[in-house]
Amino acid sequence: MRKKKMIVLDPGHGGQDPGAVANGLVEKYVAWEIAQRVREKLIRVNADVIIVQPSAGNPKSTTQDELYKPPQEANLLQADFYLSIHVNAGGGEGFESFVHPAAKDKRADMIRNRLHSQVMRYLAQYKIKDRGCKYANFAVLRLTEMPAVLLECLFIDNAWDAGLLKNTTFLHGLANEIAYGLILSLELEEG
């Protein structure tokens, strides 16, 4: 029997750092909800799924805590994979995913491509724009010692996207596809 893989889920922002706020939504709460649902979907597979968010233990955690502590904890845990979940803002629309530029054509890139494709299959039925697979020097991608992906799940400041993020059926489906994308790309087995 293969050893259990450890997956760290990092719901972006928390504590004193709300992330983006618009249309009656707060990014840290939406990201937390998505991460919880992904974790629930992965219970049946042979993996340890840990949510790392400093504000869970310290409601007054700072932006610095939320940015640097999750990758540090994932490294200490020697996780096999790291997924940072966010909601975008800035006047756009749609879904996009990121890996660090140094991960181009490496395992993280391959995992991200499969995960992105799986999520977009679901989002296409809602006419969500595919903003593509991208590369960025984000701290959570740069500081992790394992393959890491960051997802930007729609735009909180876009009325259509925000309406979907308020819909529990939509969030359930989104989490399901993220989890299934992880099962496929990490080759997780039912346990």
C-alpha atoms as a PDB file:
ATOM      1  CA  MET A   1       0.000   0.000   0.000  1.00  0.00           C
ATOM      2  CA  ARG A   2       1.334   3.431  -0.961  1.00  0.00           C
ATOM      3  CA  LYS A   3       1.878   6.006   1.753  1.00  0.00           C
ATOM      4  CA  LYS A   4      -0.813   8.608   2.154  1.00  0.00           C
ATOM      5  CA  LYS A   5      -0.167  11.833   0.325  1.00  0.00           C
ATOM      6  CA  MET A   6      -0.430  15.035   2.316  1.00  0.00           C
ATOM      7  CA  ILE A   7      -2.273  17.923   0.717  1.00  0.00           C
ATOM      8  CA  VAL A   8      -2.238  21.385   2.272  1.00  0.00           C
ATOM      9  CA  LEU A   9      -5.126  23.685   1.416  1.00  0.00           C
ATOM     10  CA  ASP A  10      -4.478  27.383   2.019  1.00  0.00           C
ATOM     11  CA  PRO A  11      -7.646  29.502   1.923  1.00  0.00           C
ATOM     12  CA  GLY A  12      -6.212  32.913   1.063  1.00  0.00           C
ATOM     13  CA  HIS A  13      -6.343  35.731   3.599  1.00  0.00           C
ATOM     14  CA  GLY A  14      -7.793  35.664   7.107  1.00  0.00           C
ATOM     15  CA  GLY A  15      -7.618  37.384  10.469  1.00  0.00           C
ATOM     16  CA  GLN A  16      -7.046  41.109  10.016  1.00  0.00           C
ATOM     17  CA  ASP A  17      -6.589  40.582   6.262  1.00  0.00           C
ATOM     18  CA  PRO A  18     -10.028  40.214   4.635  1.00  0.00           C
ATOM     19  CA  GLY A  19      -8.717  40.020   1.087  1.00  0.00           C
ATOM     20  CA  ALA A  20     -11.031  41.473  -1.540  1.00  0.00           C
ATOM     21  CA  VAL A  21     -14.429  42.777  -0.403  1.00  0.00           C
ATOM     22  CA  ALA A  22     -17.332  43.519  -2.768  1.00  0.00           C
ATOM     23  CA  ASN A  23     -20.964  42.662  -3.514  1.00  0.00           C
ATOM     24  CA  GLY A  24     -21.604  41.650   0.102  1.00  0.00           C
ATOM     25  CA  LEU A  25     -18.785  39.068   0.039  1.00  0.00           C
ATOM     26  CA  VAL A  26     -15.439  38.875   1.836  1.00  0.00           C
ATOM     27  CA  GLU A  27     -12.689  36.867   0.149  1.00  0.00           C
ATOM     28  CA  LYS A  28     -11.352  35.245   3.333  1.00  0.00           C
ATOM     29  CA  TYR A  29     -14.780  33.732   4.066  1.00  0.00           C
ATOM     30  CA  VAL A  30     -15.430  32.556   0.500  1.00  0.00           C
ATOM     31  CA  ALA A  31     -11.950  30.996   0.251  1.00  0.00           C
ATOM     32  CA  TRP A  32     -12.454  29.273   3.634  1.00  0.00           C
ATOM     33  CA  GLU A  33     -15.814  27.872   2.503  1.00  0.00           C
ATOM     34  CA  ILE A  34     -14.354  26.506  -0.735  1.00  0.00           C
ATOM     35  CA  ALA A  35     -11.389  24.947   1.121  1.00  0.00           C
ATOM     36  CA  GLN A  36     -13.696  23.276   3.671  1.00  0.00           C
ATOM     37  CA  ARG A  37     -15.827  21.824   0.890  1.00  0.00           C
ATOM     38  CA  VAL A  38     -12.773  20.557  -1.031  1.00  0.00           C
ATOM     39  CA  ARG A  39     -11.495  18.916   2.151  1.00  0.00           C
ATOM     40  CA  GLU A  40     -14.865  17.209   2.722  1.00  0.00           C
ATOM     41  CA  LYS A  41     -14.815  15.857  -0.844  1.00  0.00           C
ATOM     42  CA  LEU A  42     -11.351  14.360  -0.318  1.00  0.00           C
ATOM     43  CA  ILE A  43     -12.204  12.457   2.877  1.00  0.00           C
ATOM     44  CA  ARG A  44     -12.781   9.224   0.936  1.00  0.00           C
ATOM     45  CA  VAL A  45      -9.330   9.196  -0.690  1.00  0.00           C
ATOM     46  CA  ASN A  46      -6.054   7.934   0.680  1.00  0.00           C
ATOM     47  CA  ALA A  47      -4.703  11.387   1.591  1.00  0.00           C
ATOM     48  CA  ASP A  48      -4.271  13.609   4.594  1.00  0.00           C
ATOM     49  CA  VAL A  49      -5.875  16.946   3.778  1.00  0.00           C
ATOM     50  CA  ILE A  50      -4.946  19.810   6.082  1.00  0.00           C
ATOM     51  CA  ILE A  51      -6.288  23.354   5.949  1.00  0.00           C
ATOM     52  CA  VAL A  52      -3.633  25.852   6.989  1.00  0.00           C
ATOM     53  CA  GLN A  53      -4.855  29.324   7.836  1.00  0.00           C
ATOM     54  CA  PRO A  54      -3.194  31.194  10.718  1.00  0.00           C
ATOM     55  CA  SER A  55      -6.427  32.984  11.633  1.00  0.00           C
ATOM     56  CA  ALA A  56      -8.020  29.638  12.551  1.00  0.00           C
ATOM     57  CA  GLY A  57      -5.846  29.696  15.679  1.00  0.00           C
ATOM     58  CA  ASN A  58      -5.359  33.457  15.929  1.00  0.00           C
ATOM     59  CA  PRO A  59      -8.248  35.701  14.797  1.00  0.00           C
ATOM     60  CA  LYS A  60      -5.879  38.704  14.937  1.00  0.00           C
ATOM     61  CA  SER A  61      -3.364  37.202  12.508  1.00  0.00           C
ATOM     62  CA  THR A  62      -1.766  39.785  10.249  1.00  0.00           C
ATOM     63  CA  THR A  63      -1.391  39.937   6.484  1.00  0.00           C
ATOM     64  CA  GLN A  64       2.233  38.832   6.946  1.00  0.00           C
ATOM     65  CA  ASP A  65       1.096  35.810   8.998  1.00  0.00           C
ATOM     66  CA  GLU A  66      -1.444  34.838   6.340  1.00  0.00           C
ATOM     67  CA  LEU A  67       1.105  35.198   3.573  1.00  0.00           C
ATOM     68  CA  TYR A  68       4.175  33.509   5.026  1.00  0.00           C
ATOM     69  CA  LYS A  69       3.019  31.025   7.687  1.00  0.00           C
ATOM     70  CA  PRO A  70       0.989  28.636   5.468  1.00  0.00           C
ATOM     71  CA  PRO A  71       3.943  27.792   3.155  1.00  0.00           C
ATOM     72  CA  GLN A  72       6.239  27.488   6.183  1.00  0.00           C
ATOM     73  CA  GLU A  73       3.819  25.067   7.842  1.00  0.00           C
ATOM     74  CA  ALA A  74       3.413  23.060   4.628  1.00  0.00           C
ATOM     75  CA  ASN A  75       7.205  22.778   4.404  1.00  0.00           C
ATOM     76  CA  LEU A  76       7.450  21.629   8.036  1.00  0.00           C
ATOM     77  CA  LEU A  77       4.746  19.026   7.369  1.00  0.00           C
ATOM     78  CA  GLN A  78       6.646  17.894   4.260  1.00  0.00           C
ATOM     79  CA  ALA A  79       3.411  18.068   2.299  1.00  0.00           C
ATOM     80  CA  ASP A  80       3.205  16.493  -1.134  1.00  0.00           C
ATOM     81  CA  PHE A  81       1.085  19.277  -2.626  1.00  0.00           C
ATOM     82  CA  TYR A  82      -0.010  22.818  -1.762  1.00  0.00           C
ATOM     83  CA  LEU A  83      -3.165  24.505  -3.059  1.00  0.00           C
ATOM     84  CA  SER A  84      -3.863  28.168  -2.335  1.00  0.00           C
ATOM     85  CA  ILE A  85      -7.493  29.156  -2.933  1.00  0.00           C
ATOM     86  CA  HIS A  86      -8.434  32.773  -3.651  1.00  0.00           C
ATOM     87  CA  VAL A  87     -11.154  34.934  -5.140  1.00  0.00           C
ATOM     88  CA  ASN A  88     -10.015  37.605  -7.566  1.00  0.00           C
ATOM     89  CA  ALA A  89     -10.818  41.340  -7.783  1.00  0.00           C
ATOM     90  CA  GLY A  90      -9.883  44.278  -9.937  1.00  0.00           C
ATOM     91  CA  GLY A  91     -12.618  44.642 -12.506  1.00  0.00           C
ATOM     92  CA  GLY A  92     -12.229  41.398 -14.432  1.00  0.00           C
ATOM     93  CA  GLU A  93     -14.188  38.194 -14.720  1.00  0.00           C
ATOM     94  CA  GLY A  94     -13.533  34.473 -14.771  1.00  0.00           C
ATOM     95  CA  PHE A  95     -11.175  31.817 -13.470  1.00  0.00           C
ATOM     96  CA  GLU A  96      -7.390  31.570 -13.636  1.00  0.00           C
ATOM     97  CA  SER A  97      -4.654  29.463 -12.100  1.00  0.00           C
ATOM     98  CA  PHE A  98      -1.005  30.056 -11.303  1.00  0.00           C
ATOM     99  CA  VAL A  99       2.251  28.276 -10.643  1.00  0.00           C
ATOM    100  CA  HIS A 100       5.662  29.821 -10.022  1.00  0.00           C
ATOM    101  CA  PRO A 101       7.682  30.620 -13.179  1.00  0.00           C
ATOM    102  CA  ALA A 102      10.389  28.156 -12.044  1.00  0.00           C
ATOM    103  CA  ALA A 103       7.750  25.391 -12.200  1.00  0.00           C
ATOM    104  CA  LYS A 104       7.231  25.744 -15.946  1.00  0.00           C
ATOM    105  CA  ASP A 105       7.122  22.275 -17.534  1.00  0.00           C
ATOM    106  CA  LYS A 106       7.627  20.627 -14.145  1.00  0.00           C
ATOM    107  CA  ARG A 107       5.269  18.600 -11.942  1.00  0.00           C
ATOM    108  CA  ALA A 108       3.429  21.630 -10.497  1.00  0.00           C
ATOM    109  CA  ASP A 109       2.724  22.867 -14.014  1.00  0.00           C
ATOM    110  CA  MET A 110       1.352  19.487 -15.089  1.00  0.00           C
ATOM    111  CA  ILE A 111      -0.834  19.218 -11.967  1.00  0.00           C
ATOM    112  CA  ARG A 112      -2.106  22.760 -12.434  1.00  0.00           C
ATOM    113  CA  ASN A 113      -2.949  22.187 -16.104  1.00  0.00           C
ATOM    114  CA  ARG A 114      -5.060  19.145 -15.303  1.00  0.00           C
ATOM    115  CA  LEU A 115      -6.711  20.822 -12.311  1.00  0.00           C
ATOM    116  CA  HIS A 116      -7.450  23.964 -14.342  1.00  0.00           C
ATOM    117  CA  SER A 117      -8.970  21.931 -17.158  1.00  0.00           C
ATOM    118  CA  GLN A 118     -11.199  19.988 -14.760  1.00  0.00           C
ATOM    119  CA  VAL A 119     -12.487  23.141 -13.065  1.00  0.00           C
ATOM    120  CA  MET A 120     -13.125  24.880 -16.392  1.00  0.00           C
ATOM    121  CA  ARG A 121     -15.255  21.943 -17.577  1.00  0.00           C
ATOM    122  CA  TYR A 122     -17.592  22.768 -14.694  1.00  0.00           C
ATOM    123  CA  LEU A 123     -17.404  26.558 -15.042  1.00  0.00           C
ATOM    124  CA  ALA A 124     -18.122  26.461 -18.790  1.00  0.00           C
ATOM    125  CA  GLN A 125     -21.772  25.642 -18.113  1.00  0.00           C
ATOM    126  CA  TYR A 126     -22.009  29.007 -16.311  1.00  0.00           C
ATOM    127  CA  LYS A 127     -20.299  30.817 -19.216  1.00  0.00           C
ATOM    128  CA  ILE A 128     -17.346  31.685 -16.957  1.00  0.00           C
ATOM    129  CA  LYS A 129     -14.390  33.147 -18.829  1.00  0.00           C
ATOM    130  CA  ASP A 130     -11.241  31.029 -18.883  1.00  0.00           C
ATOM    131  CA  ARG A 131      -8.461  33.518 -18.056  1.00  0.00           C
ATOM    132  CA  GLY A 132      -5.879  30.800 -18.527  1.00  0.00           C
ATOM    133  CA  CYS A 133      -2.979  29.050 -16.877  1.00  0.00           C
ATOM    134  CA  LYS A 134      -0.412  31.612 -15.779  1.00  0.00           C
ATOM    135  CA  TYR A 135       2.916  32.032 -14.006  1.00  0.00           C
ATOM    136  CA  ALA A 136       3.540  34.401 -11.091  1.00  0.00           C
ATOM    137  CA  ASN A 137       6.115  34.973  -8.390  1.00  0.00           C
ATOM    138  CA  PHE A 138       3.523  34.876  -5.579  1.00  0.00           C
ATOM    139  CA  ALA A 139       5.013  34.225  -2.129  1.00  0.00           C
ATOM    140  CA  VAL A 140       2.965  31.066  -1.521  1.00  0.00           C
ATOM    141  CA  LEU A 141       4.250  29.608  -4.794  1.00  0.00           C
ATOM    142  CA  ARG A 142       7.821  30.782  -4.288  1.00  0.00           C
ATOM    143  CA  LEU A 143       8.211  29.657  -0.669  1.00  0.00           C
ATOM    144  CA  THR A 144       6.778  26.138  -0.867  1.00  0.00           C
ATOM    145  CA  GLU A 145       9.153  23.199  -1.212  1.00  0.00           C
ATOM    146  CA  MET A 146       6.538  21.003  -2.898  1.00  0.00           C
ATOM    147  CA  PRO A 147       4.462  21.461  -6.069  1.00  0.00           C
ATOM    148  CA  ALA A 148       2.125  24.408  -5.458  1.00  0.00           C
ATOM    149  CA  VAL A 149      -0.823  25.908  -7.331  1.00  0.00           C
ATOM    150  CA  LEU A 150      -2.858  29.051  -6.689  1.00  0.00           C
ATOM    151  CA  LEU A 151      -6.449  29.281  -7.959  1.00  0.00           C
ATOM    152  CA  GLU A 152      -8.329  32.555  -8.463  1.00  0.00           C
ATOM    153  CA  CYS A 153     -11.971  31.446  -8.342  1.00  0.00           C
ATOM    154  CA  LEU A 154     -13.951  34.173 -10.116  1.00  0.00           C
ATOM    155  CA  PHE A 155     -14.086  37.918  -9.346  1.00  0.00           C
ATOM    156  CA  ILE A 156     -15.717  39.130  -6.160  1.00  0.00           C
ATOM    157  CA  ASP A 157     -16.241  42.598  -7.686  1.00  0.00           C
ATOM    158  CA  ASN A 158     -18.062  41.273 -10.776  1.00  0.00           C
ATOM    159  CA  ALA A 159     -21.815  41.048 -10.170  1.00  0.00           C
ATOM    160  CA  TRP A 160     -22.297  37.801 -12.177  1.00  0.00           C
ATOM    161  CA  ASP A 161     -19.303  36.064 -10.578  1.00  0.00           C
ATOM    162  CA  ALA A 162     -20.301  37.287  -7.100  1.00  0.00           C
ATOM    163  CA  GLY A 163     -23.827  35.970  -7.578  1.00  0.00           C
ATOM    164  CA  LEU A 164     -22.389  32.532  -8.266  1.00  0.00           C
ATOM    165  CA  LEU A 165     -20.062  32.750  -5.248  1.00  0.00           C
ATOM    166  CA  LYS A 166     -23.136  33.390  -3.067  1.00  0.00           C
ATOM    167  CA  ASN A 167     -24.857  30.249  -4.404  1.00  0.00           C
ATOM    168  CA  THR A 168     -24.219  27.163  -2.230  1.00  0.00           C
ATOM    169  CA  THR A 169     -25.057  24.780  -5.088  1.00  0.00           C
ATOM    170  CA  PHE A 170     -22.441  26.482  -7.263  1.00  0.00           C
ATOM    171  CA  LEU A 171     -19.818  26.378  -4.469  1.00  0.00           C
ATOM    172  CA  HIS A 172     -20.574  22.696  -3.915  1.00  0.00           C
ATOM    173  CA  GLY A 173     -19.974  21.983  -7.606  1.00  0.00           C
ATOM    174  CA  LEU A 174     -16.822  24.116  -7.730  1.00  0.00           C
ATOM    175  CA  ALA A 175     -15.351  22.338  -4.697  1.00  0.00           C
ATOM    176  CA  ASN A 176     -16.304  18.993  -6.207  1.00  0.00           C
ATOM    177  CA  GLU A 177     -14.398  19.759  -9.416  1.00  0.00           C
ATOM    178  CA  ILE A 178     -11.354  21.082  -7.553  1.00  0.00           C
ATOM    179  CA  ALA A 179     -11.323  17.894  -5.466  1.00  0.00           C
ATOM    180  CA  TYR A 180     -11.801  15.676  -8.518  1.00  0.00           C
ATOM    181  CA  GLY A 181      -9.048  17.555 -10.344  1.00  0.00           C
ATOM    182  CA  LEU A 182      -6.754  16.831  -7.390  1.00  0.00           C
ATOM    183  CA  ILE A 183      -7.744  13.161  -7.375  1.00  0.00           C
ATOM    184  CA  LEU A 184      -6.870  12.879 -11.074  1.00  0.00           C
ATOM    185  CA  SER A 185      -3.712  14.952 -11.095  1.00  0.00           C
ATOM    186  CA  LEU A 186      -2.257  13.576  -7.837  1.00  0.00           C
ATOM    187  CA  GLU A 187      -3.416  10.026  -8.630  1.00  0.00           C
ATOM    188  CA  LEU A 188      -5.222   9.688  -5.307  1.00  0.00           C
ATOM    189  CA  GLU A 189      -6.836   6.365  -4.533  1.00  0.00           C
ATOM    190  CA  GLU A 190      -9.935   5.645  -2.502  1.00  0.00           C
ATOM    191  CA  GLY A 191      -8.805   4.644   0.945  1.00  0.00           C
END
